[in-house]
Amino acid sequence: MGIVSKKAKIAVYGILILEIGFLIRTYIIYSFYTNDETYGDGVADLSKYDDDFYLTIFISFVVTAILILACILFLKRNKVAK
């Protein structure tokens, strides 16, 4: 028997699926910004987008980790006294 309930597993899988969707969407937006021919904003310094992209990814991973830990802590299975 595990210490994590079925509800916690479902919540964790749901959070991970949403995270993967967010990362794919973030990469698509980043690729449009770095391709000046497509977006055409005229910004010559593409490292600005790199910094924003990496910061967004880092914040996303931190928030996901906090949500997963919260799900596990609040939805963990209660120990049955014998």
N, C-alpha and C. Protein backbone atom coordinates (compact mmCIF):
# COMPACT_ATOMS: atom_id res chain seq x y z
N MET A 1 0.83 -1.18 0.00
CA MET A 1 0.00 0.00 0.00
C MET A 1 0.87 1.25 0.00
N GLY A 2 0.51 2.19 -0.82
CA GLY A 2 1.24 3.45 -0.86
C GLY A 2 0.64 4.44 0.12
N ILE A 3 1.37 5.50 0.32
CA ILE A 3 0.88 6.54 1.24
C ILE A 3 0.08 7.60 0.51
N VAL A 4 0.00 7.50 -0.81
CA VAL A 4 -0.72 8.49 -1.60
C VAL A 4 -2.05 7.90 -2.05
N SER A 5 -3.11 8.66 -1.87
CA SER A 5 -4.44 8.18 -2.24
C SER A 5 -4.66 8.30 -3.75
N LYS A 6 -5.75 7.71 -4.21
CA LYS A 6 -6.07 7.74 -5.63
C LYS A 6 -6.39 9.17 -6.07
N LYS A 7 -7.05 9.94 -5.20
CA LYS A 7 -7.37 11.33 -5.53
C LYS A 7 -6.10 12.16 -5.72
N ALA A 8 -5.09 11.91 -4.88
CA ALA A 8 -3.83 12.64 -5.00
C ALA A 8 -3.12 12.28 -6.30
N LYS A 9 -3.15 11.01 -6.67
CA LYS A 9 -2.51 10.59 -7.92
C LYS A 9 -3.19 11.24 -9.12
N ILE A 10 -4.51 11.29 -9.10
CA ILE A 10 -5.25 11.92 -10.19
C ILE A 10 -4.92 13.41 -10.25
N ALA A 11 -4.86 14.06 -9.11
CA ALA A 11 -4.52 15.49 -9.07
C ALA A 11 -3.11 15.74 -9.59
N VAL A 12 -2.16 14.91 -9.20
CA VAL A 12 -0.77 15.07 -9.65
C VAL A 12 -0.68 14.86 -11.16
N TYR A 13 -1.34 13.83 -11.68
CA TYR A 13 -1.31 13.61 -13.13
C TYR A 13 -1.98 14.76 -13.87
N GLY A 14 -3.06 15.28 -13.34
CA GLY A 14 -3.72 16.44 -13.96
C GLY A 14 -2.81 17.66 -13.99
N ILE A 15 -2.12 17.91 -12.89
CA ILE A 15 -1.19 19.04 -12.83
C ILE A 15 -0.05 18.84 -13.84
N LEU A 16 0.46 17.63 -13.94
CA LEU A 16 1.55 17.38 -14.88
C LEU A 16 1.10 17.55 -16.33
N ILE A 17 -0.11 17.12 -16.65
CA ILE A 17 -0.63 17.30 -18.01
C ILE A 17 -0.80 18.78 -18.32
N LEU A 18 -1.33 19.54 -17.37
CA LEU A 18 -1.46 20.99 -17.58
C LEU A 18 -0.09 21.65 -17.73
N GLU A 19 0.89 21.20 -16.96
CA GLU A 19 2.24 21.74 -17.05
C GLU A 19 2.85 21.48 -18.42
N ILE A 20 2.68 20.29 -18.93
CA ILE A 20 3.22 19.96 -20.25
C ILE A 20 2.56 20.83 -21.32
N GLY A 21 1.25 21.01 -21.22
CA GLY A 21 0.55 21.90 -22.14
C GLY A 21 1.05 23.33 -22.06
N PHE A 22 1.29 23.80 -20.84
CA PHE A 22 1.81 25.16 -20.65
C PHE A 22 3.20 25.29 -21.26
N LEU A 23 4.07 24.29 -21.06
CA LEU A 23 5.42 24.36 -21.61
C LEU A 23 5.41 24.35 -23.14
N ILE A 24 4.54 23.57 -23.73
CA ILE A 24 4.43 23.55 -25.20
C ILE A 24 3.95 24.91 -25.70
N ARG A 25 2.95 25.47 -25.05
CA ARG A 25 2.44 26.79 -25.45
C ARG A 25 3.51 27.86 -25.28
N THR A 26 4.27 27.79 -24.20
CA THR A 26 5.33 28.76 -23.95
C THR A 26 6.41 28.67 -25.02
N TYR A 27 6.78 27.46 -25.41
CA TYR A 27 7.80 27.31 -26.44
C TYR A 27 7.32 27.83 -27.78
N ILE A 28 6.06 27.60 -28.11
CA ILE A 28 5.51 28.10 -29.37
C ILE A 28 5.55 29.63 -29.39
N ILE A 29 5.13 30.26 -28.32
CA ILE A 29 5.17 31.72 -28.24
C ILE A 29 6.61 32.22 -28.33
N TYR A 30 7.53 31.56 -27.63
CA TYR A 30 8.95 31.93 -27.67
C TYR A 30 9.50 31.82 -29.08
N SER A 31 9.12 30.77 -29.81
CA SER A 31 9.63 30.62 -31.17
C SER A 31 9.11 31.70 -32.10
N PHE A 32 7.88 32.18 -31.88
CA PHE A 32 7.38 33.30 -32.68
C PHE A 32 8.12 34.59 -32.36
N TYR A 33 8.43 34.82 -31.10
CA TYR A 33 9.16 36.03 -30.74
C TYR A 33 10.59 36.03 -31.27
N THR A 34 11.24 34.88 -31.28
CA THR A 34 12.63 34.84 -31.73
C THR A 34 12.74 34.82 -33.24
N ASN A 35 11.69 34.50 -33.95
CA ASN A 35 11.70 34.53 -35.41
C ASN A 35 11.16 35.89 -35.84
N ASP A 36 12.05 36.83 -36.11
CA ASP A 36 11.66 38.21 -36.39
C ASP A 36 10.85 38.32 -37.68
N GLU A 37 11.05 37.40 -38.61
CA GLU A 37 10.28 37.45 -39.85
C GLU A 37 8.80 37.20 -39.60
N THR A 38 8.49 36.35 -38.63
CA THR A 38 7.09 36.02 -38.35
C THR A 38 6.43 37.10 -37.51
N TYR A 39 7.09 37.49 -36.42
CA TYR A 39 6.46 38.44 -35.50
C TYR A 39 6.71 39.88 -35.93
N GLY A 40 7.94 40.17 -36.35
CA GLY A 40 8.25 41.48 -36.90
C GLY A 40 8.25 42.62 -35.91
N ASP A 41 8.71 42.39 -34.68
CA ASP A 41 8.71 43.48 -33.70
C ASP A 41 9.95 44.35 -33.81
N GLY A 42 10.96 43.91 -34.55
CA GLY A 42 12.14 44.72 -34.79
C GLY A 42 13.13 44.77 -33.64
N VAL A 43 12.99 43.94 -32.63
CA VAL A 43 13.92 43.93 -31.51
C VAL A 43 15.18 43.18 -31.96
N ALA A 44 16.31 43.88 -31.88
CA ALA A 44 17.56 43.28 -32.34
C ALA A 44 18.17 42.36 -31.28
N ASP A 45 17.89 42.62 -30.01
CA ASP A 45 18.48 41.85 -28.92
C ASP A 45 17.57 40.69 -28.55
N LEU A 46 17.86 39.53 -29.12
CA LEU A 46 17.02 38.35 -28.85
C LEU A 46 17.29 37.74 -27.49
N SER A 47 18.37 38.13 -26.82
CA SER A 47 18.65 37.59 -25.48
C SER A 47 17.59 38.04 -24.48
N LYS A 48 16.92 39.15 -24.78
CA LYS A 48 15.81 39.60 -23.92
C LYS A 48 14.73 38.51 -23.85
N TYR A 49 14.43 37.92 -24.98
CA TYR A 49 13.43 36.86 -25.01
C TYR A 49 13.94 35.60 -24.34
N ASP A 50 15.25 35.32 -24.46
CA ASP A 50 15.82 34.15 -23.80
C ASP A 50 15.66 34.26 -22.29
N ASP A 51 15.98 35.43 -21.73
CA ASP A 51 15.87 35.63 -20.29
C ASP A 51 14.43 35.46 -19.82
N ASP A 52 13.49 36.06 -20.55
CA ASP A 52 12.07 35.94 -20.19
C ASP A 52 11.60 34.49 -20.29
N PHE A 53 12.05 33.80 -21.32
CA PHE A 53 11.66 32.40 -21.53
C PHE A 53 12.15 31.53 -20.38
N TYR A 54 13.43 31.67 -20.01
CA TYR A 54 13.99 30.85 -18.93
C TYR A 54 13.36 31.18 -17.58
N LEU A 55 13.07 32.45 -17.35
CA LEU A 55 12.41 32.84 -16.11
C LEU A 55 11.00 32.25 -16.03
N THR A 56 10.29 32.28 -17.15
CA THR A 56 8.94 31.70 -17.18
C THR A 56 8.98 30.21 -16.92
N ILE A 57 9.93 29.51 -17.51
CA ILE A 57 10.07 28.07 -17.30
C ILE A 57 10.40 27.77 -15.84
N PHE A 58 11.32 28.54 -15.26
CA PHE A 58 11.70 28.33 -13.86
C PHE A 58 10.51 28.54 -12.92
N ILE A 59 9.78 29.64 -13.12
CA ILE A 59 8.61 29.92 -12.27
C ILE A 59 7.57 28.83 -12.45
N SER A 60 7.40 28.35 -13.67
CA SER A 60 6.43 27.29 -13.93
C SER A 60 6.79 26.01 -13.18
N PHE A 61 8.07 25.64 -13.19
CA PHE A 61 8.49 24.44 -12.46
C PHE A 61 8.32 24.60 -10.95
N VAL A 62 8.60 25.79 -10.44
CA VAL A 62 8.44 26.03 -8.99
C VAL A 62 6.98 25.94 -8.59
N VAL A 63 6.10 26.57 -9.35
CA VAL A 63 4.67 26.52 -9.04
C VAL A 63 4.15 25.10 -9.14
N THR A 64 4.58 24.36 -10.17
CA THR A 64 4.16 22.97 -10.32
C THR A 64 4.62 22.12 -9.15
N ALA A 65 5.86 22.30 -8.72
CA ALA A 65 6.36 21.53 -7.58
C ALA A 65 5.58 21.84 -6.31
N ILE A 66 5.25 23.10 -6.09
CA ILE A 66 4.47 23.48 -4.91
C ILE A 66 3.07 22.86 -4.98
N LEU A 67 2.44 22.90 -6.15
CA LEU A 67 1.10 22.32 -6.29
C LEU A 67 1.13 20.80 -6.07
N ILE A 68 2.13 20.13 -6.59
CA ILE A 68 2.23 18.69 -6.41
C ILE A 68 2.45 18.34 -4.95
N LEU A 69 3.34 19.06 -4.28
CA LEU A 69 3.57 18.80 -2.86
C LEU A 69 2.32 19.07 -2.04
N ALA A 70 1.59 20.13 -2.37
CA ALA A 70 0.35 20.43 -1.65
C ALA A 70 -0.68 19.32 -1.85
N CYS A 71 -0.79 18.82 -3.08
CA CYS A 71 -1.73 17.71 -3.34
C CYS A 71 -1.35 16.48 -2.54
N ILE A 72 -0.08 16.17 -2.51
CA ILE A 72 0.35 14.98 -1.80
C ILE A 72 0.12 15.14 -0.29
N LEU A 73 0.43 16.32 0.24
CA LEU A 73 0.26 16.54 1.68
C LEU A 73 -1.20 16.56 2.11
N PHE A 74 -2.05 17.22 1.34
CA PHE A 74 -3.45 17.36 1.75
C PHE A 74 -4.31 16.17 1.38
N LEU A 75 -3.89 15.40 0.41
CA LEU A 75 -4.70 14.26 -0.03
C LEU A 75 -4.05 12.92 0.28
N LYS A 76 -3.07 12.92 1.18
CA LYS A 76 -2.42 11.65 1.50
C LYS A 76 -3.37 10.74 2.27
N ARG A 77 -3.13 9.51 2.15
CA ARG A 77 -3.99 8.50 2.76
C ARG A 77 -3.78 8.50 4.29
N ASN A 78 -4.85 8.47 5.01
CA ASN A 78 -4.77 8.39 6.46
C ASN A 78 -4.36 6.99 6.89
N LYS A 79 -3.49 6.94 7.87
CA LYS A 79 -3.04 5.64 8.37
C LYS A 79 -4.14 5.05 9.24
N VAL A 80 -4.41 3.79 9.02
CA VAL A 80 -5.45 3.10 9.77
C VAL A 80 -4.82 2.47 11.01
N ALA A 81 -5.39 2.77 12.16
CA ALA A 81 -4.88 2.18 13.42
C ALA A 81 -5.34 0.74 13.51
N LYS A 82 -4.42 -0.13 13.89
CA LYS A 82 -4.77 -1.56 13.99
C LYS A 82 -5.02 -1.94 15.42
